[in-house]
PDB file of N, CA and C in Angstrom:
ATOM      1  N   UNK A   1      53.785  28.672-132.182  1.00  0.00           N
ATOM      2  CA  UNK A   1      53.628  29.427-133.393  1.00  0.00           C
ATOM      3  C   UNK A   1      52.812  30.704-132.987  1.00  0.00           C
ATOM      4  N   UNK A   2      53.169  31.737-133.414  1.00  0.00           N
ATOM      5  CA  UNK A   2      52.435  33.029-133.161  1.00  0.00           C
ATOM      6  C   UNK A   2      51.280  32.979-134.153  1.00  0.00           C
ATOM      7  N   UNK A   3      50.441  33.951-133.508  1.00  0.00           N
ATOM      8  CA  UNK A   3      49.032  34.120-134.433  1.00  0.00           C
ATOM      9  C   UNK A   3      49.457  34.790-135.877  1.00  0.00           C
ATOM     10  N   UNK A   4      50.400  35.533-135.844  1.00  0.00           N
ATOM     11  CA  UNK A   4      50.929  36.200-137.118  1.00  0.00           C
ATOM     12  C   UNK A   4      51.328  35.078-138.158  1.00  0.00           C
ATOM     13  N   UNK A   5      52.159  33.950-137.521  1.00  0.00           N
ATOM     14  CA  UNK A   5      52.686  32.895-138.372  1.00  0.00           C
ATOM     15  C   UNK A   5      51.554  32.197-138.772  1.00  0.00           C
ATOM     16  N   UNK A   6      50.683  31.805-138.205  1.00  0.00           N
ATOM     17  CA  UNK A   6      49.462  30.948-138.603  1.00  0.00           C
ATOM     18  C   UNK A   6      48.862  31.667-139.705  1.00  0.00           C
ATOM     19  N   UNK A   7      48.405  33.154-139.414  1.00  0.00           N
ATOM     20  CA  UNK A   7      47.704  34.012-140.467  1.00  0.00           C
ATOM     21  C   UNK A   7      48.749  33.897-141.809  1.00  0.00           C
ATOM     22  N   UNK A   8      49.879  34.048-141.758  1.00  0.00           N
ATOM     23  CA  UNK A   8      50.914  34.268-142.829  1.00  0.00           C
ATOM     24  C   UNK A   8      50.840  32.712-143.560  1.00  0.00           C
ATOM     25  N   UNK A   9      51.119  31.715-142.932  1.00  0.00           N
ATOM     26  CA  UNK A   9      50.910  30.432-143.556  1.00  0.00           C
ATOM     27  C   UNK A   9      49.764  30.182-144.316  1.00  0.00           C
ATOM     28  N   UNK A  10      48.642  30.436-143.775  1.00  0.00           N
ATOM     29  CA  UNK A  10      47.406  30.285-144.343  1.00  0.00           C
ATOM     30  C   UNK A  10      47.040  31.200-145.483  1.00  0.00           C
ATOM     31  N   UNK A  11      47.572  32.431-145.295  1.00  0.00           N
ATOM     32  CA  UNK A  11      47.224  33.530-146.446  1.00  0.00           C
ATOM     33  C   UNK A  11      48.268  33.029-147.605  1.00  0.00           C
ATOM     34  N   UNK A  12      49.501  32.749-147.210  1.00  0.00           N
ATOM     35  CA  UNK A  12      50.490  32.549-148.334  1.00  0.00           C
ATOM     36  C   UNK A  12      50.019  31.324-149.036  1.00  0.00           C
ATOM     37  N   UNK A  13      49.564  30.060-148.319  1.00  0.00           N
ATOM     38  CA  UNK A  13      48.955  28.943-149.238  1.00  0.00           C
ATOM     39  C   UNK A  13      47.921  29.355-150.155  1.00  0.00           C
ATOM     40  N   UNK A  14      47.175  30.232-149.774  1.00  0.00           N
ATOM     41  CA  UNK A  14      45.925  30.713-150.664  1.00  0.00           C
ATOM     42  C   UNK A  14      46.463  31.416-151.948  1.00  0.00           C
ATOM     43  N   UNK A  15      47.727  31.842-151.900  1.00  0.00           N
ATOM     44  CA  UNK A  15      48.179  32.733-153.053  1.00  0.00           C
ATOM     45  C   UNK A  15      48.609  31.595-154.135  1.00  0.00           C
ATOM     46  N   UNK A  16      48.566  30.490-153.969  1.00  0.00           N
ATOM     47  CA  UNK A  16      48.990  29.377-154.950  1.00  0.00           C
ATOM     48  C   UNK A  16      47.973  28.324-155.030  1.00  0.00           C
ATOM     49  N   UNK A  17      48.025  27.797-156.534  1.00  0.00           N
ATOM     50  CA  UNK A  17      47.212  26.667-156.831  1.00  0.00           C
ATOM     51  C   UNK A  17      47.776  25.521-156.270  1.00  0.00           C
ATOM     52  N   UNK A  18      47.071  24.193-156.651  1.00  0.00           N
ATOM     53  CA  UNK A  18      47.562  23.133-156.125  1.00  0.00           C
ATOM     54  C   UNK A  18      48.835  22.726-156.824  1.00  0.00           C
ATOM     55  N   UNK A  19      49.140  23.118-158.001  1.00  0.00           N
ATOM     56  CA  UNK A  19      50.340  22.894-158.783  1.00  0.00           C
ATOM     57  C   UNK A  19      51.612  23.855-158.372  1.00  0.00           C
ATOM     58  N   UNK A  20      51.155  24.682-157.389  1.00  0.00           N
ATOM     59  CA  UNK A  20      52.151  25.693-156.823  1.00  0.00           C
ATOM     60  C   UNK A  20      52.497  26.947-157.466  1.00  0.00           C
ATOM     61  N   UNK A  21      51.652  27.204-158.656  1.00  0.00           N
ATOM     62  CA  UNK A  21      51.739  28.398-159.209  1.00  0.00           C
ATOM     63  C   UNK A  21      50.919  29.679-158.534  1.00  0.00           C
ATOM     64  N   UNK A  22      51.532  30.951-158.643  1.00  0.00           N
ATOM     65  CA  UNK A  22      51.027  31.967-157.982  1.00  0.00           C
ATOM     66  C   UNK A  22      49.691  32.278-158.692  1.00  0.00           C
ATOM     67  N   UNK A  23      48.496  32.448-158.038  1.00  0.00           N
ATOM     68  CA  UNK A  23      47.250  32.769-158.609  1.00  0.00           C
ATOM     69  C   UNK A  23      46.566  34.036-158.090  1.00  0.00           C
ATOM     70  N   UNK A  24      47.092  34.392-156.869  1.00  0.00           N
ATOM     71  CA  UNK A  24      46.471  35.627-156.232  1.00  0.00           C
ATOM     72  C   UNK A  24      47.588  36.463-156.014  1.00  0.00           C
ATOM     73  N   UNK A  25      47.760  37.448-156.962  1.00  0.00           N
ATOM     74  CA  UNK A  25      48.812  38.313-156.903  1.00  0.00           C
ATOM     75  C   UNK A  25      48.621  39.433-155.964  1.00  0.00           C
ATOM     76  N   UNK A  26      47.214  39.838-155.722  1.00  0.00           N
ATOM     77  CA  UNK A  26      47.062  40.975-154.917  1.00  0.00           C
ATOM     78  C   UNK A  26      47.289  40.594-153.457  1.00  0.00           C
ATOM     79  N   UNK A  27      46.792  39.278-152.913  1.00  0.00           N
ATOM     80  CA  UNK A  27      47.307  38.882-151.705  1.00  0.00           C
ATOM     81  C   UNK A  27      48.776  38.788-151.539  1.00  0.00           C
ATOM     82  N   UNK A  28      49.467  38.271-152.613  1.00  0.00           N
ATOM     83  CA  UNK A  28      50.802  38.029-152.502  1.00  0.00           C
ATOM     84  C   UNK A  28      51.605  39.474-152.227  1.00  0.00           C
ATOM     85  N   UNK A  29      50.984  40.414-152.949  1.00  0.00           N
ATOM     86  CA  UNK A  29      51.621  41.744-152.875  1.00  0.00           C
ATOM     87  C   UNK A  29      51.626  42.129-151.445  1.00  0.00           C
ATOM     88  N   UNK A  30      50.504  41.754-150.783  1.00  0.00           N
ATOM     89  CA  UNK A  30      50.375  42.202-149.275  1.00  0.00           C
ATOM     90  C   UNK A  30      51.554  41.496-148.466  1.00  0.00           C
ATOM     91  N   UNK A  31      51.677  40.314-148.693  1.00  0.00           N
ATOM     92  CA  UNK A  31      52.799  39.534-147.980  1.00  0.00           C
ATOM     93  C   UNK A  31      54.086  40.124-148.385  1.00  0.00           C
ATOM     94  N   UNK A  32      54.332  40.426-149.623  1.00  0.00           N
ATOM     95  CA  UNK A  32      55.648  40.900-149.992  1.00  0.00           C
ATOM     96  C   UNK A  32      55.931  42.362-149.136  1.00  0.00           C
ATOM     97  N   UNK A  33      54.827  43.118-148.958  1.00  0.00           N
ATOM     98  CA  UNK A  33      55.157  44.327-148.301  1.00  0.00           C
ATOM     99  C   UNK A  33      55.401  44.069-146.763  1.00  0.00           C
ATOM    100  N   UNK A  34      54.920  43.062-146.070  1.00  0.00           N
ATOM    101  CA  UNK A  34      54.993  42.578-144.816  1.00  0.00           C
ATOM    102  C   UNK A  34      56.632  42.162-144.704  1.00  0.00           C
ATOM    103  N   UNK A  35      57.010  41.323-145.698  1.00  0.00           N
ATOM    104  CA  UNK A  35      58.549  41.007-145.770  1.00  0.00           C
ATOM    105  C   UNK A  35      59.366  42.141-145.963  1.00  0.00           C
ATOM    106  N   UNK A  36      59.143  43.014-146.944  1.00  0.00           N
ATOM    107  CA  UNK A  36      59.929  44.443-147.181  1.00  0.00           C
ATOM    108  C   UNK A  36      60.122  45.315-145.989  1.00  0.00           C
ATOM    109  N   UNK A  37      58.824  45.341-145.195  1.00  0.00           N
ATOM    110  CA  UNK A  37      58.764  46.049-144.129  1.00  0.00           C
ATOM    111  C   UNK A  37      59.315  45.486-142.809  1.00  0.00           C
ATOM    112  N   UNK A  38      59.863  44.315-142.924  1.00  0.00           N
ATOM    113  CA  UNK A  38      60.472  43.452-141.945  1.00  0.00           C
ATOM    114  C   UNK A  38      59.376  43.329-140.720  1.00  0.00           C
ATOM    115  N   UNK A  39      58.133  43.157-141.138  1.00  0.00           N
ATOM    116  CA  UNK A  39      57.049  42.689-140.113  1.00  0.00           C
ATOM    117  C   UNK A  39      56.824  41.136-139.998  1.00  0.00           C
ATOM    118  N   UNK A  40      57.303  40.491-141.100  1.00  0.00           N
ATOM    119  CA  UNK A  40      57.213  39.012-141.152  1.00  0.00           C
ATOM    120  C   UNK A  40      58.303  38.495-140.018  1.00  0.00           C
ATOM    121  N   UNK A  41      57.762  37.510-139.335  1.00  0.00           N
ATOM    122  CA  UNK A  41      58.719  36.735-138.276  1.00  0.00           C
ATOM    123  C   UNK A  41      59.757  35.817-138.989  1.00  0.00           C
ATOM    124  N   UNK A  42      60.681  35.328-138.229  1.00  0.00           N
ATOM    125  CA  UNK A  42      61.736  34.612-139.032  1.00  0.00           C
ATOM    126  C   UNK A  42      61.066  33.347-139.663  1.00  0.00           C
ATOM    127  N   UNK A  43      60.067  32.703-139.084  1.00  0.00           N
ATOM    128  CA  UNK A  43      59.731  31.416-139.661  1.00  0.00           C
ATOM    129  C   UNK A  43      58.884  31.739-140.944  1.00  0.00           C
ATOM    130  N   UNK A  44      57.970  32.916-140.968  1.00  0.00           N
ATOM    131  CA  UNK A  44      57.330  33.299-142.141  1.00  0.00           C
ATOM    132  C   UNK A  44      58.212  33.975-143.196  1.00  0.00           C
ATOM    133  N   UNK A  45      59.150  34.469-142.815  1.00  0.00           N
ATOM    134  CA  UNK A  45      60.258  34.857-143.804  1.00  0.00           C
ATOM    135  C   UNK A  45      60.859  33.823-144.422  1.00  0.00           C
ATOM    136  N   UNK A  46      61.313  32.797-143.810  1.00  0.00           N
ATOM    137  CA  UNK A  46      61.882  31.559-144.355  1.00  0.00           C
ATOM    138  C   UNK A  46      60.898  30.889-145.262  1.00  0.00           C
ATOM    139  N   UNK A  47      59.723  30.728-144.916  1.00  0.00           N
ATOM    140  CA  UNK A  47      58.725  29.979-145.828  1.00  0.00           C
ATOM    141  C   UNK A  47      58.693  30.970-147.266  1.00  0.00           C
ATOM    142  N   UNK A  48      58.652  32.153-147.111  1.00  0.00           N
ATOM    143  CA  UNK A  48      58.612  33.140-148.096  1.00  0.00           C
ATOM    144  C   UNK A  48      59.787  32.996-149.130  1.00  0.00           C
ATOM    145  N   UNK A  49      60.898  33.015-148.533  1.00  0.00           N
ATOM    146  CA  UNK A  49      62.190  33.022-149.263  1.00  0.00           C
ATOM    147  C   UNK A  49      62.318  31.740-150.015  1.00  0.00           C
ATOM    148  N   UNK A  50      62.079  30.555-149.254  1.00  0.00           N
ATOM    149  CA  UNK A  50      61.993  29.309-150.004  1.00  0.00           C
ATOM    150  C   UNK A  50      61.214  29.349-151.195  1.00  0.00           C
ATOM    151  N   UNK A  51      59.999  29.870-151.283  1.00  0.00           N
ATOM    152  CA  UNK A  51      59.138  29.827-152.286  1.00  0.00           C
ATOM    153  C   UNK A  51      59.571  30.851-153.427  1.00  0.00           C
ATOM    154  N   UNK A  52      60.196  31.781-153.272  1.00  0.00           N
ATOM    155  CA  UNK A  52      60.472  32.867-154.263  1.00  0.00           C
ATOM    156  C   UNK A  52      61.771  32.141-154.793  1.00  0.00           C
ATOM    157  N   UNK A  53      62.471  31.351-154.381  1.00  0.00           N
ATOM    158  CA  UNK A  53      63.651  30.957-154.854  1.00  0.00           C
ATOM    159  C   UNK A  53      63.283  29.702-156.049  1.00  0.00           C
ATOM    160  N   UNK A  54      62.044  29.345-155.777  1.00  0.00           N
ATOM    161  CA  UNK A  54      61.606  28.370-156.910  1.00  0.00           C
ATOM    162  C   UNK A  54      60.427  28.597-157.668  1.00  0.00           C
ATOM    163  N   UNK A  55      59.889  29.953-157.497  1.00  0.00           N
ATOM    164  CA  UNK A  55      58.679  30.480-158.406  1.00  0.00           C
ATOM    165  C   UNK A  55      59.100  31.595-159.025  1.00  0.00           C
ATOM    166  N   UNK A  56      59.322  31.549-160.257  1.00  0.00           N
ATOM    167  CA  UNK A  56      59.724  32.763-160.983  1.00  0.00           C
ATOM    168  C   UNK A  56      58.945  34.001-160.824  1.00  0.00           C
ATOM    169  N   UNK A  57      57.511  33.802-160.982  1.00  0.00           N
ATOM    170  CA  UNK A  57      56.607  34.877-160.891  1.00  0.00           C
ATOM    171  C   UNK A  57      56.641  35.515-159.682  1.00  0.00           C
ATOM    172  N   UNK A  58      56.719  34.674-158.631  1.00  0.00           N
ATOM    173  CA  UNK A  58      56.673  35.177-157.116  1.00  0.00           C
ATOM    174  C   UNK A  58      57.926  36.168-157.105  1.00  0.00           C
ATOM    175  N   UNK A  59      59.248  35.457-157.363  1.00  0.00           N
ATOM    176  CA  UNK A  59      60.442  36.188-157.418  1.00  0.00           C
ATOM    177  C   UNK A  59      60.456  37.592-158.004  1.00  0.00           C
ATOM    178  N   UNK A  60      59.807  37.577-159.375  1.00  0.00           N
ATOM    179  CA  UNK A  60      59.733  38.712-160.115  1.00  0.00           C
ATOM    180  C   UNK A  60      58.901  39.852-159.293  1.00  0.00           C
ATOM    181  N   UNK A  61      57.643  39.316-158.837  1.00  0.00           N
ATOM    182  CA  UNK A  61      56.935  40.375-158.057  1.00  0.00           C
ATOM    183  C   UNK A  61      57.566  41.006-156.899  1.00  0.00           C
ATOM    184  N   UNK A  62      58.284  40.110-156.139  1.00  0.00           N
ATOM    185  CA  UNK A  62      59.090  40.564-154.958  1.00  0.00           C
ATOM    186  C   UNK A  62      60.200  41.470-155.458  1.00  0.00           C
ATOM    187  N   UNK A  63      60.942  41.033-156.422  1.00  0.00           N
ATOM    188  CA  UNK A  63      62.025  42.001-156.960  1.00  0.00           C
ATOM    189  C   UNK A  63      61.497  43.227-157.246  1.00  0.00           C
ATOM    190  N   UNK A  64      60.367  43.464-157.940  1.00  0.00           N
ATOM    191  CA  UNK A  64      59.752  44.596-158.559  1.00  0.00           C
ATOM    192  C   UNK A  64      59.520  45.463-157.326  1.00  0.00           C
ATOM    193  N   UNK A  65      58.757  44.902-156.263  1.00  0.00           N
ATOM    194  CA  UNK A  65      58.343  45.700-155.144  1.00  0.00           C
ATOM    195  C   UNK A  65      59.462  46.179-154.342  1.00  0.00           C
ATOM    196  N   UNK A  66      60.644  45.448-154.276  1.00  0.00           N
ATOM    197  CA  UNK A  66      61.592  45.720-153.595  1.00  0.00           C
ATOM    198  C   UNK A  66      62.477  47.064-154.151  1.00  0.00           C
ATOM    199  N   UNK A  67      62.388  46.899-155.575  1.00  0.00           N
ATOM    200  CA  UNK A  67      63.098  47.943-156.412  1.00  0.00           C
ATOM    201  C   UNK A  67      62.448  49.118-156.221  1.00  0.00           C
ATOM    202  N   UNK A  68      61.118  49.074-156.321  1.00  0.00           N
ATOM    203  CA  UNK A  68      60.231  50.529-156.274  1.00  0.00           C
ATOM    204  C   UNK A  68      60.612  51.066-154.876  1.00  0.00           C
ATOM    205  N   UNK A  69      60.607  50.217-153.635  1.00  0.00           N
ATOM    206  CA  UNK A  69      60.757  50.801-152.397  1.00  0.00           C
ATOM    207  C   UNK A  69      62.085  51.492-152.471  1.00  0.00           C
ATOM    208  N   UNK A  70      63.107  50.739-152.975  1.00  0.00           N
ATOM    209  CA  UNK A  70      64.695  51.140-152.917  1.00  0.00           C
ATOM    210  C   UNK A  70      64.701  52.585-153.694  1.00  0.00           C
ATOM    211  N   UNK A  71      64.010  52.582-154.947  1.00  0.00           N
ATOM    212  CA  UNK A  71      64.084  53.706-155.581  1.00  0.00           C
ATOM    213  C   UNK A  71      63.508  54.839-155.066  1.00  0.00           C
ATOM    214  N   UNK A  72      62.374  54.820-154.468  1.00  0.00           N
ATOM    215  CA  UNK A  72      61.534  55.750-153.644  1.00  0.00           C
ATOM    216  C   UNK A  72      62.645  56.151-152.486  1.00  0.00           C
ATOM    217  N   UNK A  73      63.256  55.319-151.788  1.00  0.00           N
ATOM    218  CA  UNK A  73      64.028  55.796-150.591  1.00  0.00           C
ATOM    219  C   UNK A  73      65.101  56.502-151.212  1.00  0.00           C
ATOM    220  N   UNK A  74      65.908  56.135-152.375  1.00  0.00           N
ATOM    221  CA  UNK A  74      66.946  56.689-152.920  1.00  0.00           C
ATOM    222  C   UNK A  74      66.640  58.229-153.574  1.00  0.00           C
ATOM    223  N   UNK A  75      65.469  58.327-153.920  1.00  0.00           N
ATOM    224  CA  UNK A  75      64.771  59.563-154.364  1.00  0.00           C
ATOM    225  C   UNK A  75      64.757  60.683-153.356  1.00  0.00           C
ATOM    226  N   UNK A  76      64.225  60.182-152.168  1.00  0.00           N
ATOM    227  CA  UNK A  76      63.917  60.903-150.870  1.00  0.00           C
ATOM    228  C   UNK A  76      65.316  61.253-150.206  1.00  0.00           C
ATOM    229  N   UNK A  77      66.364  60.538-150.397  1.00  0.00           N
ATOM    230  CA  UNK A  77      67.554  60.975-149.918  1.00  0.00           C
ATOM    231  C   UNK A  77      68.245  61.895-150.789  1.00  0.00           C
ATOM    232  N   UNK A  78      68.112  61.781-152.193  1.00  0.00           N
ATOM    233  CA  UNK A  78      68.695  62.766-153.207  1.00  0.00           C
ATOM    234  C   UNK A  78      68.164  64.059-153.018  1.00  0.00           C
ATOM    235  N   UNK A  79      66.704  64.188-152.757  1.00  0.00           N
ATOM    236  CA  UNK A  79      66.233  65.570-152.869  1.00  0.00           C
ATOM    237  C   UNK A  79      65.616  66.104-151.468  1.00  0.00           C
ATOM    238  N   UNK A  80      66.361  65.239-150.501  1.00  0.00           N
ATOM    239  CA  UNK A  80      65.753  65.818-149.142  1.00  0.00           C
ATOM    240  C   UNK A  80      65.923  67.325-148.779  1.00  0.00           C
ATOM    241  N   UNK A  81      67.055  67.925-149.109  1.00  0.00           N
ATOM    242  CA  UNK A  81      67.276  69.251-148.967  1.00  0.00           C
ATOM    243  C   UNK A  81      66.458  70.235-149.535  1.00  0.00           C
ATOM    244  N   UNK A  82      65.654  69.666-150.750  1.00  0.00           N
ATOM    245  CA  UNK A  82      65.011  70.524-151.535  1.00  0.00           C
ATOM    246  C   UNK A  82      63.397  70.614-151.100  1.00  0.00           C
ATOM    247  N   UNK A  83      62.941  69.440-150.262  1.00  0.00           N
ATOM    248  CA  UNK A  83      61.691  69.335-149.967  1.00  0.00           C
ATOM    249  C   UNK A  83      61.325  69.760-148.561  1.00  0.00           C
ATOM    250  N   UNK A  84      60.090  70.222-148.424  1.00  0.00           N
ATOM    251  CA  UNK A  84      59.666  70.857-147.029  1.00  0.00           C
ATOM    252  C   UNK A  84      59.750  69.713-146.093  1.00  0.00           C
ATOM    253  N   UNK A  85      60.098  69.994-144.909  1.00  0.00           N
ATOM    254  CA  UNK A  85      60.262  68.840-143.909  1.00  0.00           C
ATOM    255  C   UNK A  85      58.947  67.968-143.653  1.00  0.00           C
ATOM    256  N   UNK A  86      57.847  68.793-143.587  1.00  0.00           N
ATOM    257  CA  UNK A  86      56.724  67.991-143.461  1.00  0.00           C
ATOM    258  C   UNK A  86      56.257  66.903-144.524  1.00  0.00           C
ATOM    259  N   UNK A  87      56.747  67.288-145.604  1.00  0.00           N
ATOM    260  CA  UNK A  87      56.536  66.286-147.095  1.00  0.00           C
ATOM    261  C   UNK A  87      57.391  65.041-146.871  1.00  0.00           C
ATOM    262  N   UNK A  88      58.669  65.363-146.382  1.00  0.00           N
ATOM    263  CA  UNK A  88      59.373  64.218-146.225  1.00  0.00           C
ATOM    264  C   UNK A  88      58.954  63.170-145.293  1.00  0.00           C
ATOM    265  N   UNK A  89      58.460  63.793-144.015  1.00  0.00           N
ATOM    266  CA  UNK A  89      57.986  62.893-143.056  1.00  0.00           C
ATOM    267  C   UNK A  89      56.444  62.059-143.397  1.00  0.00           C
ATOM    268  N   UNK A  90      55.835  62.915-144.007  1.00  0.00           N
ATOM    269  CA  UNK A  90      54.419  62.394-144.545  1.00  0.00           C
ATOM    270  C   UNK A  90      54.780  61.290-145.664  1.00  0.00           C
ATOM    271  N   UNK A  91      55.644  61.288-146.568  1.00  0.00           N
ATOM    272  CA  UNK A  91      56.153  60.275-147.547  1.00  0.00           C
ATOM    273  C   UNK A  91      56.760  59.138-146.765  1.00  0.00           C
ATOM    274  N   UNK A  92      57.647  59.361-145.890  1.00  0.00           N
ATOM    275  CA  UNK A  92      58.260  58.336-145.105  1.00  0.00           C
ATOM    276  C   UNK A  92      57.104  57.530-144.275  1.00  0.00           C
ATOM    277  N   UNK A  93      56.345  58.156-143.823  1.00  0.00           N
ATOM    278  CA  UNK A  93      55.177  57.468-142.954  1.00  0.00           C
ATOM    279  C   UNK A  93      54.314  56.793-143.985  1.00  0.00           C
ATOM    280  N   UNK A  94      54.073  57.077-145.170  1.00  0.00           N
ATOM    281  CA  UNK A  94      53.183  56.426-145.957  1.00  0.00           C
ATOM    282  C   UNK A  94      53.782  55.171-146.619  1.00  0.00           C
ATOM    283  N   UNK A  95      55.116  55.139-146.746  1.00  0.00           N
ATOM    284  CA  UNK A  95      55.883  54.069-147.174  1.00  0.00           C
ATOM    285  C   UNK A  95      56.818  53.274-146.176  1.00  0.00           C
ATOM    286  N   UNK A  96      56.594  53.542-144.867  1.00  0.00           N
ATOM    287  CA  UNK A  96      57.235  52.781-143.704  1.00  0.00           C
ATOM    288  C   UNK A  96      58.686  52.886-143.907  1.00  0.00           C
ATOM    289  N   UNK A  97      59.280  54.085-144.040  1.00  0.00           N
ATOM    290  CA  UNK A  97      60.683  54.310-144.228  1.00  0.00           C
ATOM    291  C   UNK A  97      61.072  54.866-142.822  1.00  0.00           C
TER     292      UNK A  97
END
């Protein structure tokens, strides 16, 4: 198991109480970004996907972040010709696109 997987599992567990409810939304949001940016390894992603299938709050948080990222990407593509080149690259770097 990689060092990342160990960190991911430990951090992910801390996001939930003993009953399995999401309690640390800030830490969970960080994990969501790792998943959306394809930085989570396969084992970590599997753990994440299993949980969001059974936890409505987790799923809603994930879907919200995913929608925001997709909307930003869509807007960048729609207005690419209108934006200065350096602005596009700065935005892309800041949102990992």
